[in-house]
Structure formats: C-alpha cells, structure tokens
N, C-alpha and C. Protein backbone atom coordinates (compact mmCIF):
# COMPACT_ATOMS: atom_id res chain seq x y z
N MET A 1 -30.53 -30.22 -29.92
CA MET A 1 -30.55 -29.68 -28.57
C MET A 1 -29.15 -29.70 -27.95
N GLU A 2 -28.47 -30.83 -28.12
CA GLU A 2 -27.15 -30.98 -27.53
C GLU A 2 -26.15 -30.02 -28.19
N THR A 3 -26.24 -29.84 -29.48
CA THR A 3 -25.34 -28.92 -30.17
C THR A 3 -25.61 -27.47 -29.78
N GLN A 4 -26.87 -27.18 -29.48
CA GLN A 4 -27.23 -25.82 -29.07
C GLN A 4 -26.63 -25.50 -27.69
N ILE A 5 -26.68 -26.45 -26.76
CA ILE A 5 -26.08 -26.25 -25.43
C ILE A 5 -24.57 -26.08 -25.56
N PHE A 6 -23.95 -26.90 -26.41
CA PHE A 6 -22.51 -26.79 -26.64
C PHE A 6 -22.15 -25.44 -27.25
N PHE A 7 -22.97 -24.95 -28.15
CA PHE A 7 -22.75 -23.64 -28.77
C PHE A 7 -22.82 -22.52 -27.72
N TYR A 8 -23.83 -22.56 -26.84
CA TYR A 8 -23.96 -21.54 -25.79
C TYR A 8 -22.80 -21.63 -24.80
N PHE A 9 -22.36 -22.82 -24.52
CA PHE A 9 -21.21 -23.00 -23.64
C PHE A 9 -19.96 -22.38 -24.25
N GLN A 10 -19.74 -22.58 -25.54
CA GLN A 10 -18.60 -21.98 -26.23
C GLN A 10 -18.67 -20.46 -26.19
N ILE A 11 -19.85 -19.91 -26.40
CA ILE A 11 -20.01 -18.45 -26.35
C ILE A 11 -19.72 -17.94 -24.95
N LEU A 12 -20.19 -18.64 -23.92
CA LEU A 12 -19.94 -18.25 -22.54
C LEU A 12 -18.45 -18.26 -22.22
N VAL A 13 -17.76 -19.29 -22.65
CA VAL A 13 -16.31 -19.39 -22.42
C VAL A 13 -15.59 -18.27 -23.17
N LEU A 14 -15.97 -18.02 -24.41
CA LEU A 14 -15.35 -16.96 -25.20
C LEU A 14 -15.57 -15.58 -24.56
N LEU A 15 -16.79 -15.30 -24.11
CA LEU A 15 -17.07 -14.02 -23.45
C LEU A 15 -16.29 -13.88 -22.14
N SER A 16 -16.14 -14.96 -21.41
CA SER A 16 -15.36 -14.93 -20.16
C SER A 16 -13.90 -14.61 -20.45
N ILE A 17 -13.36 -15.23 -21.46
CA ILE A 17 -11.96 -14.97 -21.83
C ILE A 17 -11.78 -13.52 -22.27
N ILE A 18 -12.69 -13.02 -23.07
CA ILE A 18 -12.63 -11.62 -23.52
C ILE A 18 -12.73 -10.68 -22.33
N PHE A 19 -13.65 -10.98 -21.39
CA PHE A 19 -13.79 -10.14 -20.20
C PHE A 19 -12.48 -10.08 -19.42
N PHE A 20 -11.84 -11.22 -19.16
CA PHE A 20 -10.60 -11.23 -18.38
C PHE A 20 -9.45 -10.56 -19.11
N ILE A 21 -9.41 -10.65 -20.42
CA ILE A 21 -8.37 -9.97 -21.19
C ILE A 21 -8.55 -8.46 -21.11
N ILE A 22 -9.78 -8.00 -21.29
CA ILE A 22 -10.06 -6.56 -21.20
C ILE A 22 -9.79 -6.05 -19.79
N ARG A 23 -10.20 -6.80 -18.78
CA ARG A 23 -9.94 -6.41 -17.39
C ARG A 23 -8.44 -6.30 -17.14
N ARG A 24 -7.68 -7.25 -17.64
CA ARG A 24 -6.22 -7.25 -17.44
C ARG A 24 -5.61 -6.01 -18.09
N ILE A 25 -6.08 -5.64 -19.27
CA ILE A 25 -5.56 -4.44 -19.94
C ILE A 25 -5.83 -3.20 -19.10
N PHE A 26 -7.05 -3.08 -18.57
CA PHE A 26 -7.39 -1.93 -17.73
C PHE A 26 -6.58 -1.91 -16.44
N VAL A 27 -6.36 -3.08 -15.83
CA VAL A 27 -5.57 -3.15 -14.59
C VAL A 27 -4.12 -2.75 -14.87
N LEU A 28 -3.56 -3.22 -15.96
CA LEU A 28 -2.18 -2.86 -16.30
C LEU A 28 -2.05 -1.35 -16.54
N ARG A 29 -3.02 -0.77 -17.23
CA ARG A 29 -3.01 0.67 -17.49
C ARG A 29 -3.11 1.45 -16.17
N GLU A 30 -3.98 1.00 -15.28
CA GLU A 30 -4.15 1.66 -13.97
C GLU A 30 -2.89 1.52 -13.12
N ASN A 31 -2.25 0.36 -13.17
CA ASN A 31 -1.00 0.16 -12.42
C ASN A 31 0.10 1.08 -12.94
N TYR A 32 0.15 1.28 -14.24
CA TYR A 32 1.14 2.19 -14.82
C TYR A 32 0.90 3.61 -14.34
N LYS A 33 -0.36 4.06 -14.38
CA LYS A 33 -0.68 5.41 -13.88
C LYS A 33 -0.35 5.53 -12.41
N ARG A 34 -0.63 4.48 -11.66
CA ARG A 34 -0.38 4.48 -10.22
C ARG A 34 1.12 4.62 -9.92
N THR A 35 1.97 3.94 -10.67
CA THR A 35 3.41 4.03 -10.42
C THR A 35 3.97 5.41 -10.76
N LEU A 36 3.36 6.09 -11.72
CA LEU A 36 3.83 7.43 -12.06
C LEU A 36 3.48 8.46 -11.00
N SER A 37 2.52 8.15 -10.15
CA SER A 37 2.11 9.12 -9.14
C SER A 37 2.60 8.76 -7.74
N LEU A 38 3.64 7.94 -7.64
CA LEU A 38 4.16 7.57 -6.34
C LEU A 38 5.09 8.64 -5.79
N CYS A 39 5.10 8.74 -4.47
CA CYS A 39 5.93 9.71 -3.77
C CYS A 39 6.74 8.95 -2.71
N PHE A 40 8.04 9.18 -2.66
CA PHE A 40 8.91 8.53 -1.70
C PHE A 40 9.20 9.51 -0.56
N LEU A 41 8.86 9.11 0.66
CA LEU A 41 9.08 9.95 1.83
C LEU A 41 10.10 9.28 2.74
N LYS A 42 11.15 10.00 3.08
CA LYS A 42 12.16 9.47 3.99
C LYS A 42 11.74 9.79 5.42
N VAL A 43 11.77 8.78 6.26
CA VAL A 43 11.40 8.95 7.66
C VAL A 43 12.69 9.05 8.47
N SER A 44 12.85 10.17 9.16
CA SER A 44 14.04 10.38 9.99
C SER A 44 13.69 10.10 11.44
N LEU A 45 14.55 9.33 12.08
CA LEU A 45 14.35 9.01 13.49
C LEU A 45 15.27 9.86 14.33
N PRO A 46 14.81 10.32 15.49
CA PRO A 46 15.70 11.10 16.35
C PRO A 46 16.80 10.21 16.92
N LYS A 47 17.99 10.77 17.01
CA LYS A 47 19.13 10.02 17.54
C LYS A 47 19.17 10.16 19.05
N LYS A 48 19.69 9.15 19.69
CA LYS A 48 19.86 9.20 21.14
C LYS A 48 21.13 9.98 21.45
N ASP A 49 21.05 10.83 22.46
CA ASP A 49 22.19 11.69 22.77
C ASP A 49 23.30 10.97 23.52
N SER A 50 22.96 10.11 24.41
CA SER A 50 24.00 9.48 25.23
C SER A 50 23.57 8.09 25.67
N ASP A 51 24.45 7.48 26.47
CA ASP A 51 24.14 6.16 27.00
C ASP A 51 22.99 6.21 27.99
N LEU A 52 22.83 7.35 28.65
CA LEU A 52 21.73 7.49 29.61
C LEU A 52 20.38 7.37 28.92
N ASP A 53 20.29 7.91 27.73
CA ASP A 53 19.05 7.81 26.97
C ASP A 53 18.72 6.36 26.64
N GLU A 54 19.74 5.59 26.32
CA GLU A 54 19.53 4.19 26.01
C GLU A 54 19.06 3.42 27.23
N LYS A 55 19.59 3.78 28.40
CA LYS A 55 19.22 3.09 29.63
C LYS A 55 17.81 3.47 30.09
N LYS A 56 17.34 4.62 29.67
CA LYS A 56 16.02 5.08 30.08
C LYS A 56 14.89 4.35 29.36
N GLU A 57 15.22 3.68 28.29
CA GLU A 57 14.18 2.95 27.56
C GLU A 57 13.61 1.86 28.45
N THR A 58 12.35 1.91 28.65
CA THR A 58 11.68 0.93 29.50
C THR A 58 10.54 0.29 28.72
N LEU A 59 9.83 -0.54 29.40
CA LEU A 59 8.68 -1.18 28.80
C LEU A 59 7.62 -0.15 28.42
N LYS A 60 7.51 0.91 29.21
CA LYS A 60 6.55 1.97 28.92
C LYS A 60 6.87 2.64 27.59
N ASP A 61 8.15 2.92 27.33
CA ASP A 61 8.54 3.52 26.06
C ASP A 61 8.21 2.59 24.89
N PHE A 62 8.45 1.30 25.10
CA PHE A 62 8.15 0.34 24.05
C PHE A 62 6.65 0.32 23.76
N LYS A 63 5.84 0.28 24.80
CA LYS A 63 4.38 0.27 24.62
C LYS A 63 3.91 1.55 23.94
N GLU A 64 4.54 2.65 24.26
CA GLU A 64 4.18 3.92 23.63
C GLU A 64 4.50 3.89 22.14
N MET A 65 5.65 3.36 21.79
CA MET A 65 6.03 3.27 20.37
C MET A 65 5.09 2.34 19.61
N VAL A 66 4.71 1.24 20.25
CA VAL A 66 3.79 0.30 19.61
C VAL A 66 2.43 0.94 19.41
N SER A 67 1.96 1.70 20.39
CA SER A 67 0.65 2.35 20.25
C SER A 67 0.67 3.42 19.16
N ILE A 68 1.79 4.11 19.02
CA ILE A 68 1.92 5.11 17.95
C ILE A 68 1.85 4.43 16.59
N MET A 69 2.56 3.32 16.44
CA MET A 69 2.54 2.60 15.16
C MET A 69 1.16 2.00 14.90
N GLU A 70 0.50 1.54 15.94
CA GLU A 70 -0.85 1.00 15.78
C GLU A 70 -1.80 2.09 15.29
N GLN A 71 -1.67 3.28 15.84
CA GLN A 71 -2.50 4.41 15.41
C GLN A 71 -2.21 4.76 13.96
N PHE A 72 -0.93 4.75 13.59
CA PHE A 72 -0.54 5.04 12.21
C PHE A 72 -1.16 4.04 11.24
N LEU A 73 -1.05 2.76 11.56
CA LEU A 73 -1.58 1.73 10.65
C LEU A 73 -3.11 1.76 10.60
N SER A 74 -3.75 2.05 11.70
CA SER A 74 -5.21 2.12 11.66
C SER A 74 -5.69 3.34 10.87
N SER A 75 -4.92 4.42 10.90
CA SER A 75 -5.30 5.59 10.10
C SER A 75 -5.08 5.33 8.61
N MET A 76 -4.19 4.41 8.27
CA MET A 76 -3.96 4.07 6.87
C MET A 76 -5.14 3.31 6.28
N LYS A 77 -5.96 2.74 7.14
CA LYS A 77 -7.15 2.03 6.65
C LYS A 77 -8.13 3.00 5.99
N SER A 78 -8.02 4.28 6.29
CA SER A 78 -8.92 5.26 5.68
C SER A 78 -8.68 5.39 4.18
N ILE A 79 -7.58 4.89 3.70
CA ILE A 79 -7.26 4.94 2.27
C ILE A 79 -8.07 3.91 1.49
N TYR A 80 -8.51 2.86 2.16
CA TYR A 80 -9.27 1.80 1.49
C TYR A 80 -10.55 2.37 0.91
N SER A 81 -10.85 1.99 -0.31
CA SER A 81 -12.04 2.49 -1.00
C SER A 81 -13.01 1.35 -1.26
N HIS A 82 -14.29 1.59 -1.01
CA HIS A 82 -15.32 0.59 -1.24
C HIS A 82 -15.96 0.72 -2.62
N ARG A 83 -15.46 1.63 -3.43
CA ARG A 83 -16.04 1.85 -4.75
C ARG A 83 -15.81 0.63 -5.64
N ILE A 84 -16.76 0.35 -6.50
CA ILE A 84 -16.67 -0.80 -7.40
C ILE A 84 -15.48 -0.64 -8.35
N GLU A 85 -15.21 0.59 -8.76
CA GLU A 85 -14.08 0.85 -9.65
C GLU A 85 -12.77 0.39 -9.00
N ARG A 86 -12.60 0.65 -7.72
CA ARG A 86 -11.38 0.24 -7.00
C ARG A 86 -11.32 -1.27 -6.83
N LYS A 87 -12.46 -1.91 -6.70
CA LYS A 87 -12.46 -3.37 -6.60
C LYS A 87 -12.12 -4.01 -7.95
N PHE A 88 -12.48 -3.33 -9.02
CA PHE A 88 -12.21 -3.84 -10.36
C PHE A 88 -10.76 -3.57 -10.78
N LEU A 89 -10.26 -2.34 -10.52
CA LEU A 89 -8.93 -1.95 -10.99
C LEU A 89 -7.84 -2.08 -9.93
N GLY A 90 -8.20 -2.25 -8.68
CA GLY A 90 -7.20 -2.39 -7.63
C GLY A 90 -7.14 -1.17 -6.73
N GLN A 91 -6.73 -1.39 -5.49
CA GLN A 91 -6.65 -0.34 -4.48
C GLN A 91 -5.32 0.41 -4.59
N ASP A 92 -5.29 1.63 -4.03
CA ASP A 92 -4.03 2.35 -3.91
C ASP A 92 -3.17 1.65 -2.86
N LEU A 93 -1.87 1.69 -3.05
CA LEU A 93 -0.95 0.95 -2.18
C LEU A 93 -0.05 1.90 -1.41
N ILE A 94 0.31 1.49 -0.22
CA ILE A 94 1.33 2.18 0.58
C ILE A 94 2.36 1.14 0.95
N SER A 95 3.62 1.50 0.79
CA SER A 95 4.69 0.57 1.10
C SER A 95 5.61 1.17 2.16
N LEU A 96 5.89 0.39 3.20
CA LEU A 96 6.84 0.79 4.24
C LEU A 96 8.14 0.05 3.95
N GLU A 97 9.18 0.80 3.68
CA GLU A 97 10.45 0.21 3.24
C GLU A 97 11.57 0.55 4.23
N TYR A 98 12.55 -0.32 4.31
CA TYR A 98 13.77 0.02 5.05
C TYR A 98 14.96 -0.45 4.24
N ILE A 99 16.03 0.34 4.35
CA ILE A 99 17.26 0.08 3.59
C ILE A 99 18.42 0.14 4.55
N VAL A 100 19.31 -0.82 4.45
CA VAL A 100 20.54 -0.80 5.24
C VAL A 100 21.68 -0.48 4.29
N TYR A 101 22.37 0.62 4.59
CA TYR A 101 23.46 1.07 3.73
C TYR A 101 24.56 1.63 4.62
N ASP A 102 25.76 1.14 4.49
CA ASP A 102 26.90 1.56 5.30
C ASP A 102 26.58 1.51 6.80
N SER A 103 26.05 0.41 7.24
CA SER A 103 25.72 0.16 8.65
C SER A 103 24.70 1.14 9.22
N GLU A 104 23.93 1.76 8.39
CA GLU A 104 22.86 2.64 8.85
C GLU A 104 21.55 2.17 8.25
N ILE A 105 20.49 2.40 8.99
CA ILE A 105 19.16 1.98 8.54
C ILE A 105 18.37 3.21 8.15
N TYR A 106 17.79 3.18 6.96
CA TYR A 106 16.97 4.27 6.45
C TYR A 106 15.55 3.74 6.25
N PHE A 107 14.58 4.55 6.64
CA PHE A 107 13.18 4.17 6.50
C PHE A 107 12.51 5.06 5.46
N TYR A 108 11.69 4.45 4.62
CA TYR A 108 10.96 5.18 3.59
C TYR A 108 9.50 4.73 3.58
N VAL A 109 8.64 5.64 3.20
CA VAL A 109 7.23 5.33 2.96
C VAL A 109 6.96 5.71 1.52
N VAL A 110 6.45 4.76 0.75
CA VAL A 110 6.10 4.99 -0.64
C VAL A 110 4.58 5.06 -0.71
N THR A 111 4.08 6.17 -1.22
CA THR A 111 2.64 6.41 -1.21
C THR A 111 2.23 7.21 -2.45
N PRO A 112 0.98 7.11 -2.86
CA PRO A 112 0.51 7.99 -3.94
C PRO A 112 0.58 9.45 -3.49
N LYS A 113 0.82 10.36 -4.44
CA LYS A 113 0.96 11.78 -4.12
C LYS A 113 -0.27 12.35 -3.42
N LYS A 114 -1.45 11.83 -3.74
CA LYS A 114 -2.65 12.38 -3.14
C LYS A 114 -2.76 12.07 -1.65
N TYR A 115 -1.98 11.11 -1.14
CA TYR A 115 -1.99 10.79 0.28
C TYR A 115 -0.75 11.29 1.01
N LYS A 116 0.08 12.06 0.34
CA LYS A 116 1.33 12.52 0.92
C LYS A 116 1.10 13.32 2.21
N ASP A 117 0.16 14.25 2.18
CA ASP A 117 -0.10 15.07 3.37
C ASP A 117 -0.62 14.22 4.53
N LEU A 118 -1.48 13.28 4.25
CA LEU A 118 -2.01 12.39 5.29
C LEU A 118 -0.90 11.61 5.96
N ILE A 119 -0.01 11.05 5.15
CA ILE A 119 1.10 10.25 5.68
C ILE A 119 2.04 11.13 6.50
N GLU A 120 2.37 12.31 5.99
CA GLU A 120 3.26 13.20 6.73
C GLU A 120 2.68 13.59 8.07
N LYS A 121 1.38 13.88 8.11
CA LYS A 121 0.74 14.25 9.38
C LYS A 121 0.74 13.10 10.36
N GLN A 122 0.56 11.89 9.88
CA GLN A 122 0.52 10.75 10.77
C GLN A 122 1.90 10.40 11.31
N ILE A 123 2.94 10.63 10.52
CA ILE A 123 4.29 10.28 10.96
C ILE A 123 4.81 11.31 11.94
N THR A 124 4.52 12.60 11.72
CA THR A 124 5.05 13.64 12.61
C THR A 124 4.21 13.86 13.83
C-alpha cells in the first residue's frame, strides 16, 4: 500500500514537471511571436511658443492633462483578454517609454501591430 502511494506521488510529480516544461515552451514561442509583431510609435508633444504660454499653465491645465492620461490608460484596459488561452500564454503588452538624448525628451509607445490604430486614436 505504501509503495503504491509513493508510486502515484512520483507519477504526479513527473506529470507536473512535464506540464510546466511544455507550458514554458509554448510561452517562449508566444513571446517570440509577440516581439516580432511590435510597433514603435513616437509621440510628439506640441512646443510652447513663448514665455507667456508657460505662464498660462495653471492648475486647470494640469488637471486637464491628468484627466486625458487617465482616459488613455482606462481605454488601454480594453486590450485585456479574459480568454483562457491568454491566461495560459500571457497577455499582450503595451509599453510607455521615454528617452533622453541631447537634452531632449522623446516619448514612445510600444504596442502590438493589431492595436496600433487604437493607440493612435487615443493619443491624438
């Protein structure tokens, strides 16, 4: 009896290890496909024309910018998928990047190609 329980335990451990190895292979393959379909979008910000424009910035402008970004991020939640396949292989990712080069700041959004139009509409 005791050897039979030990045997079933060994089989259970072996099947668990095989499952995680196979899952890892599928996740790595999906991540590779996902990286090949990424699209880099450069976000251009309007420049201020003069010192008067800088002085006009008030708390209202700040709140407006925050609400715009809040709307953008909440619309990105629509990309989340409840499908079991996505829970097993991983969700699509969006990355908000910034780069400082020669004292200038550049903003980029990295997204899968299938969401490019959605992201462009939300940014503009």
